[in-house]
Amino acid sequence: MDMSVTISPNKDAEATSPAAKPPRTANASDLDLWLEKVEALGELKRITAEVDPDLEAATITYLVGSSKSPALLFENIKGHPGHKALYNMIGCNLSRFCLMIGEEPLDHPLKAVQALQKKLGRKMPPREVAAAQAICNQNILEGDKIDIRMFPAQRMWPLDGGLYLGTGDAVITKDPETGRINVGTYRMMIKGPREVGVYTSPGKDATIDREKWWKMRKPMPIAACYGIDPLLFLVAATSLPKTECEYDYYSGIAGAPIEVFTSDLTGLPLPARAEIVLEGFLYPDETFAEGPFGEFTGYYGRPSGATPYMRVERVRYRDNPTLTCALMADGAANEAGLFWAALRSAGIWADLQKLGVPGIQGVWSIPEAAGWGITVVSIRQMYAGHAPQVMALAAQCTAGAYFGKYVIVVDDDVDPTNVHQVLWAMATRSRPAQSIDILRETWSTYLDPSLNPPEIRPWGSKALINACMDYRYYNSFSKRTKLSKDAYEKVVGRWQELGLAGEPPVITIFEDEKSSGSVT
């Protein structure tokens, strides 16, 4: 699990916004404050029955997370008294995603994407605080007193190679040449009481940092943080510009600087409100056989025979800490599906705007398609070649280039977040012989199970599907059926009188022409 999606932020976005978080109390972590808001929303499920961290917690999460579901806080973990584990932080729930980025719950995914896009365009540096103020410093272990197995590391899937302490994590590294701090999310399998693996894919920031340290024949200082709030998880799992620090983006989205303190062991700035922090070093040529691990694609990633591991030299943790866990799975149960979808969508939308492409009505990367496998762009067609232009650019712009396999462009009367409408448009407006283009040798991932033999990875391909009305016949294209706005509003007004359950569907596209015939 090397979780990242590239975002090209809008640096011109406004830089002022109310802070997303309530005032901090001395003994509250950022995760505590977020959970308070989730519980007030009625979306936190506290599980007090004993649950085994070996397969059982993940199985519960998978079964619950296949539909709109609460965050799951396991408070009675077998073999780990006084410890808690949090799963399904965001899951497929738009309301919790909105809370994560400091917004009140919004009623449509595209509104959340636009809010995130705007907030990604502003940055502010972290705020340094004294180490004594850091909640993770309530308990500090060093040397032989360290045994990281005290924390409820999880085995998610039956064939996982071991117990994974790092899934919902934020890993801190430093470029030794520039001093740039990187915050990333990487899978971390326990090797021993004071050793934990750090799997990073080629080309990722932590890999580049490590290679620079090792080229200098020095161990790389590293810190791994757990018990973090979801916003830190979000920016850690996002590939931001390699010269910039994720802390700055966290602060910009939150509307207030993240608090950090500088470690006297590694020299790294550590999040003061994280609940668990491991510190240590990665030494040249010290590796072990790590994995396999059930990945975000819904398949096991290949086991690695040469994964570096951290020698843990210091453990910091608050009293009764919570381990944040991210289940990688198929479909809606994938912890990263929704927020990857929103991040990818925001990035592609921003890139298209910067490239000067007009008429973009919305961008959506389908969460159930591994978060970034399928991207849909809705446009108002304005000229010949508009739809093919959008397809090509959305597929290869900075935010869209990595891994995604399908780019579908639809007209502005189709909601890109509504899979049913998208499929309808594909079935009724695309012409397979004319509407599909293929890009070959594109940027993919080592975790794509469809690319075989594995040695051909990470090169992939992309299908571009034009599901718009043929622009040459746009004005004469068969008219689709649309509701009457008057009739719709009348029915909505009578919804309860008619005895219909739930809320009426929101419709925004109506018939704007009058019938030429008479009704008798």
Protein backbone atom coordinates (compact mmCIF):
# COMPACT_ATOMS: atom_id res chain seq x y z
CA MET A 1 0.00 0.00 0.00
CA ASP A 2 1.69 3.12 -1.27
CA MET A 3 -1.24 5.49 -1.22
CA SER A 4 -0.95 8.60 -3.34
CA VAL A 5 -2.81 10.55 -5.97
CA THR A 6 -1.24 13.55 -7.65
CA ILE A 7 -2.82 16.96 -7.15
CA SER A 8 -1.82 20.12 -8.97
CA PRO A 9 -3.11 22.80 -6.59
CA ASN A 10 -4.62 26.12 -7.59
CA LYS A 11 -2.26 28.64 -6.05
CA ASP A 12 -4.60 31.52 -6.82
CA ALA A 13 -7.41 30.27 -4.58
CA GLU A 14 -8.43 32.55 -1.74
CA ALA A 15 -6.46 32.06 1.46
CA THR A 16 -9.01 32.97 4.08
CA SER A 17 -11.61 30.69 5.61
CA PRO A 18 -12.93 29.98 9.07
CA ALA A 19 -10.94 27.37 10.94
CA ALA A 20 -12.35 23.92 10.51
CA LYS A 21 -11.63 22.75 14.04
CA PRO A 22 -13.02 23.72 17.44
CA PRO A 23 -10.57 25.00 20.07
CA ARG A 24 -8.15 22.32 21.23
CA THR A 25 -8.00 21.20 24.82
CA ALA A 26 -4.72 20.23 26.42
CA ASN A 27 -5.49 16.51 26.52
CA ALA A 28 -7.35 16.15 23.21
CA SER A 29 -5.82 14.76 20.05
CA ASP A 30 -6.89 15.95 16.61
CA LEU A 31 -8.53 12.54 16.21
CA ASP A 32 -10.54 13.08 19.42
CA LEU A 33 -11.93 16.35 18.12
CA TRP A 34 -12.88 14.86 14.77
CA LEU A 35 -14.58 11.88 16.43
CA GLU A 36 -16.62 14.26 18.58
CA LYS A 37 -18.04 15.83 15.43
CA VAL A 38 -18.66 12.42 13.85
CA GLU A 39 -20.48 11.21 16.95
CA ALA A 40 -22.61 14.38 17.03
CA LEU A 41 -23.55 13.60 13.44
CA GLY A 42 -24.70 10.12 14.52
CA GLU A 43 -22.03 8.38 12.44
CA LEU A 44 -19.78 6.80 15.07
CA LYS A 45 -20.34 3.19 16.18
CA ARG A 46 -18.53 2.23 19.38
CA ILE A 47 -18.00 -1.53 19.53
CA THR A 48 -17.48 -2.67 23.12
CA ALA A 49 -17.59 -6.43 22.51
CA GLU A 50 -14.16 -8.07 22.34
CA VAL A 51 -12.81 -8.17 18.78
CA ASP A 52 -9.67 -9.91 17.52
CA PRO A 53 -7.28 -7.66 15.50
CA ASP A 54 -6.29 -10.75 13.52
CA LEU A 55 -8.85 -10.81 10.65
CA GLU A 56 -12.00 -10.23 12.76
CA ALA A 57 -11.93 -6.41 12.90
CA ALA A 58 -11.27 -6.17 9.16
CA THR A 59 -14.03 -8.69 8.39
CA ILE A 60 -16.53 -6.63 10.38
CA THR A 61 -15.40 -3.49 8.55
CA TYR A 62 -15.71 -5.10 5.13
CA LEU A 63 -19.22 -6.37 5.81
CA VAL A 64 -20.39 -3.06 7.30
CA GLY A 65 -18.51 -0.87 4.85
CA SER A 66 -20.12 -2.22 1.70
CA SER A 67 -22.81 0.45 2.03
CA LYS A 68 -23.24 3.84 3.74
CA SER A 69 -21.91 3.03 7.18
CA PRO A 70 -20.60 4.56 10.43
CA ALA A 71 -17.01 4.92 11.51
CA LEU A 72 -16.13 1.89 13.65
CA LEU A 73 -14.30 2.41 16.94
CA PHE A 74 -13.23 -0.92 18.45
CA GLU A 75 -12.83 -0.29 22.19
CA ASN A 76 -12.16 -3.85 23.42
CA ILE A 77 -9.37 -5.37 21.37
CA LYS A 78 -8.33 -8.89 22.19
CA GLY A 79 -4.89 -8.98 23.79
CA HIS A 80 -4.55 -5.19 23.96
CA PRO A 81 -6.32 -3.78 27.03
CA GLY A 82 -6.48 0.02 27.10
CA HIS A 83 -6.00 0.29 23.33
CA LYS A 84 -8.56 1.15 20.63
CA ALA A 85 -8.63 0.83 16.85
CA LEU A 86 -10.55 3.00 14.40
CA TYR A 87 -11.70 1.65 11.05
CA ASN A 88 -13.87 3.08 8.28
CA MET A 89 -12.87 6.66 9.12
CA ILE A 90 -14.40 8.00 5.92
CA GLY A 91 -15.46 4.92 4.00
CA CYS A 92 -18.03 5.80 1.35
CA ASN A 93 -19.69 8.53 3.43
CA LEU A 94 -19.78 12.00 1.92
CA SER A 95 -20.82 13.57 5.24
CA ARG A 96 -17.62 12.42 7.00
CA PHE A 97 -15.51 13.45 4.03
CA CYS A 98 -16.97 16.94 4.35
CA LEU A 99 -16.17 17.02 8.08
CA MET A 100 -12.61 15.96 7.27
CA ILE A 101 -12.05 18.99 5.02
CA GLY A 102 -13.78 21.38 7.44
CA GLU A 103 -17.13 21.67 5.66
CA GLU A 104 -20.65 21.10 6.88
CA PRO A 105 -22.14 18.01 5.19
CA LEU A 106 -22.92 18.80 1.54
CA ASP A 107 -25.68 17.24 -0.52
CA HIS A 108 -23.71 16.41 -3.67
CA PRO A 109 -20.22 14.98 -4.30
CA LEU A 110 -19.32 17.67 -6.84
CA LYS A 111 -19.87 20.37 -4.21
CA ALA A 112 -17.36 18.59 -1.98
CA VAL A 113 -14.90 18.31 -4.87
CA GLN A 114 -15.18 22.05 -5.54
CA ALA A 115 -14.69 22.86 -1.86
CA LEU A 116 -11.58 20.67 -1.69
CA GLN A 117 -10.22 22.09 -4.94
CA LYS A 118 -10.49 25.59 -3.53
CA LYS A 119 -8.82 24.66 -0.24
CA LEU A 120 -5.95 22.82 -1.93
CA GLY A 121 -4.98 26.12 -3.49
CA ARG A 122 -3.96 27.73 -0.22
CA LYS A 123 -1.09 26.81 2.06
CA MET A 124 0.28 27.89 5.41
CA PRO A 125 3.28 26.58 7.35
CA PRO A 126 2.93 24.51 10.54
CA ARG A 127 3.27 26.05 13.98
CA GLU A 128 6.12 24.91 16.21
CA VAL A 129 5.20 24.03 19.80
CA ALA A 130 7.24 22.75 22.72
CA ALA A 131 7.65 18.99 22.99
CA ALA A 132 6.01 19.15 26.43
CA GLN A 133 2.77 20.22 24.75
CA ALA A 134 2.63 17.17 22.48
CA ILE A 135 -0.02 14.66 23.47
CA CYS A 136 2.08 11.79 22.09
CA ASN A 137 4.73 12.52 24.72
CA GLN A 138 2.59 11.33 27.63
CA ASN A 139 4.56 8.08 27.41
CA ILE A 140 8.03 7.63 25.91
CA LEU A 141 9.86 4.29 25.54
CA GLU A 142 13.44 3.76 24.39
CA GLY A 143 15.89 0.91 23.96
CA ASP A 144 14.99 -2.52 25.27
CA LYS A 145 11.73 -1.23 26.73
CA ILE A 146 10.31 -0.95 23.19
CA ASP A 147 7.99 -3.62 21.84
CA ILE A 148 5.78 -2.24 19.08
CA ARG A 149 3.60 -5.35 19.34
CA MET A 150 1.96 -3.61 22.29
CA PHE A 151 -0.19 -1.80 19.72
CA PRO A 152 -3.10 -3.72 18.09
CA ALA A 153 -1.55 -4.24 14.66
CA GLN A 154 -3.97 -5.80 12.22
CA ARG A 155 -4.04 -8.67 9.76
CA MET A 156 -6.69 -7.60 7.28
CA TRP A 157 -6.84 -10.53 4.84
CA PRO A 158 -6.08 -14.25 5.32
CA LEU A 159 -3.01 -14.29 3.05
CA ASP A 160 -1.41 -11.09 4.38
CA GLY A 161 2.24 -11.75 5.16
CA GLY A 162 2.04 -10.53 8.75
CA LEU A 163 0.55 -8.00 11.14
CA TYR A 164 0.41 -4.45 9.76
CA LEU A 165 0.87 -1.61 12.20
CA GLY A 166 0.90 0.95 9.39
CA THR A 167 -2.14 1.30 7.14
CA GLY A 168 -3.90 4.52 8.24
CA ASP A 169 -0.59 6.27 8.89
CA ALA A 170 1.50 9.36 8.15
CA VAL A 171 5.20 8.69 7.61
CA ILE A 172 7.65 11.59 7.96
CA THR A 173 10.92 11.75 5.99
CA LYS A 174 13.33 14.50 4.91
CA ASP A 175 15.24 15.32 1.75
CA PRO A 176 18.86 15.61 2.99
CA GLU A 177 19.77 17.98 0.15
CA THR A 178 16.93 20.52 0.32
CA GLY A 179 15.53 19.95 3.80
CA ARG A 180 12.02 19.44 2.37
CA ILE A 181 9.81 17.42 4.74
CA ASN A 182 7.61 14.75 3.19
CA VAL A 183 4.51 13.21 4.76
CA GLY A 184 3.39 10.00 3.05
CA THR A 185 1.25 6.91 3.63
CA TYR A 186 2.93 3.53 3.30
CA ARG A 187 2.18 0.02 4.44
CA MET A 188 4.21 -1.11 7.46
CA MET A 189 4.44 -4.79 8.44
CA ILE A 190 5.92 -5.71 11.82
CA LYS A 191 9.22 -7.57 11.56
CA GLY A 192 10.07 -7.75 15.25
CA PRO A 193 9.69 -5.97 18.61
CA ARG A 194 11.79 -3.02 17.43
CA GLU A 195 11.61 -3.40 13.65
CA VAL A 196 8.84 -2.45 11.21
CA GLY A 197 8.85 -2.55 7.41
CA VAL A 198 8.41 0.54 5.26
CA TYR A 199 7.19 -0.40 1.78
CA THR A 200 7.48 2.49 -0.71
CA SER A 201 7.03 2.27 -4.48
CA PRO A 202 9.72 3.42 -6.92
CA GLY A 203 9.53 7.14 -7.61
CA LYS A 204 7.62 8.02 -4.44
CA ASP A 205 9.01 10.79 -2.26
CA ALA A 206 10.10 8.57 0.63
CA THR A 207 11.93 6.30 -1.81
CA ILE A 208 13.77 9.26 -3.32
CA ASP A 209 14.64 10.58 0.14
CA ARG A 210 15.93 7.18 1.22
CA GLU A 211 18.11 6.80 -1.86
CA LYS A 212 19.69 10.20 -1.21
CA TRP A 213 20.48 9.34 2.41
CA TRP A 214 21.90 5.97 1.45
CA LYS A 215 23.98 7.46 -1.37
CA MET A 216 25.58 9.59 1.37
CA ARG A 217 26.15 6.28 3.25
CA LYS A 218 23.94 7.49 6.08
CA PRO A 219 20.80 5.93 7.60
CA MET A 220 17.58 7.79 6.83
CA PRO A 221 15.76 9.30 9.83
CA ILE A 222 12.08 8.41 9.75
CA ALA A 223 8.97 8.71 11.91
CA ALA A 224 5.64 6.90 11.58
CA CYS A 225 2.50 8.42 13.08
CA TYR A 226 -0.76 6.65 13.91
CA GLY A 227 -3.86 7.78 15.74
CA ILE A 228 -4.03 10.70 13.32
CA ASP A 229 -7.04 12.65 12.20
CA PRO A 230 -8.33 11.82 8.70
CA LEU A 231 -7.14 15.10 7.18
CA LEU A 232 -3.51 14.23 7.92
CA PHE A 233 -4.19 10.81 6.39
CA LEU A 234 -5.64 12.52 3.30
CA VAL A 235 -2.65 14.80 2.63
CA ALA A 236 -0.21 11.98 3.43
CA ALA A 237 -1.91 9.79 0.81
CA THR A 238 -1.71 12.54 -1.81
CA SER A 239 1.23 13.16 -4.14
CA LEU A 240 1.69 16.89 -3.85
CA PRO A 241 4.54 18.72 -5.63
CA LYS A 242 7.82 17.09 -4.64
CA THR A 243 9.34 20.39 -3.55
CA GLU A 244 6.55 21.16 -1.08
CA CYS A 245 5.48 19.83 2.33
CA GLU A 246 2.15 18.17 3.03
CA TYR A 247 1.94 19.94 6.40
CA ASP A 248 1.40 23.21 4.52
CA TYR A 249 -1.56 21.76 2.63
CA TYR A 250 -3.04 20.26 5.79
CA SER A 251 -2.94 23.69 7.41
CA GLY A 252 -4.46 25.34 4.37
CA ILE A 253 -7.39 22.92 4.21
CA ALA A 254 -7.93 23.08 7.99
CA GLY A 255 -7.74 26.87 8.02
CA ALA A 256 -5.23 26.82 10.91
CA PRO A 257 -1.59 25.67 11.20
CA ILE A 258 -0.93 22.10 12.23
CA GLU A 259 1.08 21.96 15.47
CA VAL A 260 4.44 20.20 15.29
CA PHE A 261 7.46 19.77 17.54
CA THR A 262 11.01 18.94 16.50
CA SER A 263 12.42 15.60 17.64
CA ASP A 264 15.80 15.63 19.32
CA LEU A 265 16.36 12.08 18.01
CA THR A 266 15.64 12.33 14.29
CA GLY A 267 15.42 16.09 13.82
CA LEU A 268 12.04 15.63 12.14
CA PRO A 269 9.00 17.85 12.81
CA LEU A 270 6.36 15.58 14.35
CA PRO A 271 2.60 16.22 14.60
CA ALA A 272 2.01 17.16 18.23
CA ARG A 273 -1.56 15.86 18.26
CA ALA A 274 -0.86 12.41 16.83
CA GLU A 275 -1.55 9.67 19.39
CA ILE A 276 1.30 7.27 18.47
CA VAL A 277 4.71 8.06 16.96
CA LEU A 278 7.54 5.63 16.19
CA GLU A 279 10.97 7.08 15.45
CA GLY A 280 14.09 5.49 14.10
CA PHE A 281 16.28 4.99 11.06
CA LEU A 282 16.41 3.02 7.82
CA TYR A 283 19.91 1.61 7.34
CA PRO A 284 21.47 0.86 3.93
CA ASP A 285 21.01 -2.72 2.74
CA GLU A 286 18.88 -3.78 5.72
CA THR A 287 15.81 -5.40 4.18
CA PHE A 288 13.46 -8.30 4.76
CA ALA A 289 10.80 -10.30 2.90
CA GLU A 290 7.62 -8.24 3.38
CA GLY A 291 4.06 -9.01 2.29
CA PRO A 292 1.91 -9.91 0.53
CA PHE A 293 -0.72 -7.36 1.53
CA GLY A 294 -4.35 -7.00 0.44
CA GLU A 295 -4.24 -3.81 -1.64
CA PHE A 296 -6.68 -1.07 -2.71
CA THR A 297 -7.35 -2.89 -5.99
CA GLY A 298 -9.02 -5.75 -4.09
CA TYR A 299 -6.09 -8.06 -4.86
CA TYR A 300 -2.91 -8.96 -3.02
CA GLY A 301 0.16 -6.94 -3.93
CA ARG A 302 3.25 -8.93 -4.80
CA PRO A 303 5.37 -9.88 -1.78
CA SER A 304 8.62 -8.00 -1.70
CA GLY A 305 11.89 -9.76 -1.02
CA ALA A 306 13.77 -6.57 -0.27
CA THR A 307 11.73 -4.12 1.78
CA PRO A 308 13.66 -1.74 4.07
CA TYR A 309 12.68 -1.71 7.73
CA MET A 310 12.89 0.89 10.44
CA ARG A 311 14.97 0.21 13.51
CA VAL A 312 12.68 1.75 16.10
CA GLU A 313 14.64 3.73 18.69
CA ARG A 314 11.84 5.66 20.36
CA VAL A 315 8.11 5.16 20.84
CA ARG A 316 5.82 8.00 21.90
CA TYR A 317 2.16 7.45 22.73
CA ARG A 318 -0.70 8.99 24.64
CA ASP A 319 -2.57 7.19 27.39
CA ASN A 320 -5.13 4.74 25.95
CA PRO A 321 -4.23 5.45 22.32
CA THR A 322 -6.27 4.73 19.21
CA LEU A 323 -4.63 3.06 16.22
CA THR A 324 -6.01 4.36 12.92
CA CYS A 325 -6.52 1.55 10.40
CA ALA A 326 -7.33 1.72 6.68
CA LEU A 327 -8.89 -1.36 5.09
CA MET A 328 -7.89 -1.78 1.46
CA ALA A 329 -10.64 -3.67 -0.35
CA ASP A 330 -12.78 -3.94 -3.44
CA GLY A 331 -15.81 -1.70 -3.90
CA ALA A 332 -17.27 0.68 -1.34
CA ALA A 333 -15.47 -0.91 1.63
CA ASN A 334 -12.14 0.52 0.43
CA GLU A 335 -11.21 3.14 3.04
CA ALA A 336 -9.47 5.28 0.44
CA GLY A 337 -12.05 5.01 -2.34
CA LEU A 338 -14.08 8.15 -1.70
CA PHE A 339 -11.31 10.50 -0.70
CA TRP A 340 -9.07 9.33 -3.55
CA ALA A 341 -12.01 9.91 -5.87
CA ALA A 342 -12.52 13.44 -4.55
CA LEU A 343 -8.79 14.27 -4.66
CA ARG A 344 -8.34 12.96 -8.19
CA SER A 345 -11.48 14.76 -9.33
CA ALA A 346 -10.39 18.05 -7.78
CA GLY A 347 -6.96 17.76 -9.35
CA ILE A 348 -8.16 16.94 -12.86
CA TRP A 349 -10.79 19.69 -12.72
CA ALA A 350 -8.14 22.22 -11.65
CA ASP A 351 -5.73 21.04 -14.36
CA LEU A 352 -8.37 21.35 -17.08
CA GLN A 353 -9.17 24.88 -15.91
CA LYS A 354 -5.48 25.83 -15.96
CA LEU A 355 -5.17 24.47 -19.48
CA GLY A 356 -7.97 26.81 -20.54
CA VAL A 357 -10.49 24.13 -21.48
CA PRO A 358 -13.99 25.67 -21.34
CA GLY A 359 -17.32 24.09 -20.54
CA ILE A 360 -16.28 21.74 -17.72
CA GLN A 361 -19.38 21.05 -15.61
CA GLY A 362 -17.98 18.43 -13.26
CA VAL A 363 -15.32 15.75 -12.78
CA TRP A 364 -15.80 12.56 -10.81
CA SER A 365 -13.57 9.54 -10.26
CA ILE A 366 -15.81 6.64 -9.30
CA PRO A 367 -14.98 5.56 -5.70
CA GLU A 368 -15.99 1.93 -6.19
CA ALA A 369 -13.55 1.63 -9.12
CA ALA A 370 -10.52 1.49 -6.78
CA GLY A 371 -10.80 5.26 -6.26
CA TRP A 372 -9.09 6.23 -9.49
CA GLY A 373 -9.72 3.51 -12.09
CA ILE A 374 -12.53 5.37 -13.92
CA THR A 375 -12.89 9.13 -14.33
CA VAL A 376 -16.00 10.82 -15.74
CA VAL A 377 -16.00 14.41 -17.04
CA SER A 378 -19.22 16.29 -17.80
CA ILE A 379 -18.92 19.08 -20.40
CA ARG A 380 -21.08 21.58 -22.24
CA GLN A 381 -19.97 20.93 -25.81
CA MET A 382 -18.94 24.19 -27.49
CA TYR A 383 -16.97 23.26 -30.62
CA ALA A 384 -15.93 20.40 -32.85
CA GLY A 385 -13.36 18.19 -31.13
CA HIS A 386 -14.22 19.51 -27.67
CA ALA A 387 -15.05 16.09 -26.18
CA PRO A 388 -11.95 14.32 -27.60
CA GLN A 389 -9.78 17.18 -26.35
CA VAL A 390 -11.17 16.81 -22.84
CA MET A 391 -10.67 13.03 -22.93
CA ALA A 392 -7.03 13.27 -23.90
CA LEU A 393 -6.18 16.01 -21.43
CA ALA A 394 -8.05 14.43 -18.50
CA ALA A 395 -6.18 11.18 -19.14
CA GLN A 396 -2.68 12.69 -19.21
CA CYS A 397 -2.79 15.87 -17.12
CA THR A 398 -0.75 15.91 -13.92
CA ALA A 399 -3.61 14.75 -11.70
CA GLY A 400 -4.99 12.17 -14.12
CA ALA A 401 -1.92 10.44 -15.52
CA TYR A 402 -1.29 7.84 -12.82
CA PHE A 403 -3.02 4.45 -13.13
CA GLY A 404 -6.55 5.44 -14.22
CA LYS A 405 -7.72 3.12 -17.00
CA TYR A 406 -10.92 4.69 -18.31
CA VAL A 407 -11.85 8.30 -19.03
CA ILE A 408 -15.48 8.86 -20.00
CA VAL A 409 -16.76 12.23 -21.23
CA VAL A 410 -20.49 12.95 -21.03
CA ASP A 411 -22.74 15.89 -21.88
CA ASP A 412 -23.84 18.48 -19.35
CA ASP A 413 -27.25 16.85 -18.88
CA VAL A 414 -25.54 13.84 -17.27
CA ASP A 415 -24.44 13.88 -13.63
CA PRO A 416 -20.91 12.40 -13.63
CA THR A 417 -21.38 11.12 -10.05
CA ASN A 418 -24.45 9.08 -11.05
CA VAL A 419 -23.18 5.77 -12.43
CA HIS A 420 -26.64 4.89 -13.78
CA GLN A 421 -26.76 8.06 -15.89
CA VAL A 422 -23.18 7.56 -17.09
CA LEU A 423 -23.91 4.00 -18.23
CA TRP A 424 -27.09 5.22 -19.96
CA ALA A 425 -25.09 7.86 -21.82
CA MET A 426 -22.49 5.29 -22.86
CA ALA A 427 -25.19 2.95 -24.14
CA THR A 428 -27.17 5.59 -26.06
CA ARG A 429 -24.60 8.18 -27.21
CA SER A 430 -21.30 6.42 -27.80
CA ARG A 431 -20.51 4.55 -31.00
CA PRO A 432 -17.94 1.86 -30.19
CA ALA A 433 -16.31 1.96 -33.62
CA GLN A 434 -15.87 5.75 -33.53
CA SER A 435 -16.02 6.77 -29.84
CA ILE A 436 -13.20 4.82 -28.20
CA ASP A 437 -9.50 5.70 -28.34
CA ILE A 438 -6.63 3.84 -26.66
CA LEU A 439 -3.49 5.35 -25.13
CA ARG A 440 -0.64 2.88 -24.76
CA GLU A 441 2.46 2.71 -22.56
CA THR A 442 0.96 5.06 -19.98
CA TRP A 443 1.92 5.49 -16.31
CA SER A 444 0.46 2.67 -14.22
CA THR A 445 1.20 0.93 -10.93
CA TYR A 446 3.05 -2.15 -9.80
CA LEU A 447 -0.16 -3.11 -7.97
CA ASP A 448 -2.34 -3.52 -11.10
CA PRO A 449 -3.16 -7.26 -11.21
CA SER A 450 -4.23 -7.11 -14.86
CA LEU A 451 -0.70 -6.38 -16.10
CA ASN A 452 1.05 -9.72 -16.61
CA PRO A 453 3.70 -10.91 -16.44
CA PRO A 454 4.45 -8.51 -13.56
CA GLU A 455 7.73 -7.54 -15.19
CA ILE A 456 5.84 -5.34 -17.70
CA ARG A 457 4.63 -3.07 -14.89
CA PRO A 458 4.30 -0.13 -14.32
CA TRP A 459 3.40 0.61 -17.96
CA GLY A 460 -0.31 0.43 -18.71
CA SER A 461 -2.94 1.75 -21.09
CA LYS A 462 -6.05 3.92 -21.02
CA ALA A 463 -9.38 3.78 -22.85
CA LEU A 464 -10.96 7.12 -23.72
CA ILE A 465 -14.73 6.85 -24.23
CA ASN A 466 -16.70 9.65 -25.85
CA ALA A 467 -20.23 9.22 -24.45
CA CYS A 468 -21.36 12.65 -25.68
CA MET A 469 -23.84 13.33 -28.44
CA ASP A 470 -22.06 13.52 -31.81
CA TYR A 471 -21.28 17.24 -32.11
CA ARG A 472 -21.85 17.19 -35.87
CA TYR A 473 -25.47 16.28 -35.24
CA TYR A 474 -25.82 17.92 -31.83
CA ASN A 475 -28.81 20.07 -32.78
CA SER A 476 -30.63 17.24 -34.53
CA PHE A 477 -29.69 14.44 -32.11
CA SER A 478 -32.74 12.50 -30.89
CA LYS A 479 -34.34 14.35 -28.01
CA ARG A 480 -34.09 12.64 -24.65
CA THR A 481 -37.08 12.40 -22.39
CA LYS A 482 -37.11 14.98 -19.59
CA LEU A 483 -39.55 15.74 -16.80
CA SER A 484 -41.77 18.79 -16.73
CA LYS A 485 -40.47 21.16 -14.06
CA ASP A 486 -44.00 22.10 -13.04
CA ALA A 487 -45.07 18.47 -12.70
CA TYR A 488 -41.89 17.62 -10.77
CA GLU A 489 -42.38 20.44 -8.28
CA LYS A 490 -46.02 19.46 -7.82
CA VAL A 491 -45.07 15.87 -7.00
CA VAL A 492 -42.29 16.97 -4.65
CA GLY A 493 -44.79 19.15 -2.81
CA ARG A 494 -47.14 16.17 -2.39
CA TRP A 495 -44.43 13.60 -1.52
CA GLN A 496 -45.61 12.93 2.02
CA GLU A 497 -49.29 13.18 1.06
CA LEU A 498 -48.69 10.46 -1.50
CA GLY A 499 -47.22 8.25 1.22
CA LEU A 500 -43.83 7.91 -0.50
CA ALA A 501 -40.80 7.03 1.62
CA GLY A 502 -37.61 9.04 2.00
CA GLU A 503 -36.77 12.24 0.19
CA PRO A 504 -37.70 12.87 -3.45
CA PRO A 505 -34.75 12.58 -5.87
CA VAL A 506 -33.14 15.87 -6.83
CA ILE A 507 -33.69 16.60 -10.53
CA THR A 508 -32.04 19.56 -12.27
CA ILE A 509 -32.61 18.81 -15.98
CA PHE A 510 -36.11 19.57 -17.27
CA GLU A 511 -37.89 19.86 -20.59
CA ASP A 512 -37.64 23.45 -21.81
CA GLU A 513 -39.76 23.12 -24.95
CA LYS A 514 -43.53 23.07 -25.33
CA SER A 515 -45.33 20.29 -27.13
CA SER A 516 -46.43 21.21 -30.63
CA GLY A 517 -49.41 18.89 -30.39
CA SER A 518 -52.58 19.20 -28.39
CA VAL A 519 -53.50 16.94 -25.53
CA THR A 520 -57.03 15.57 -25.78
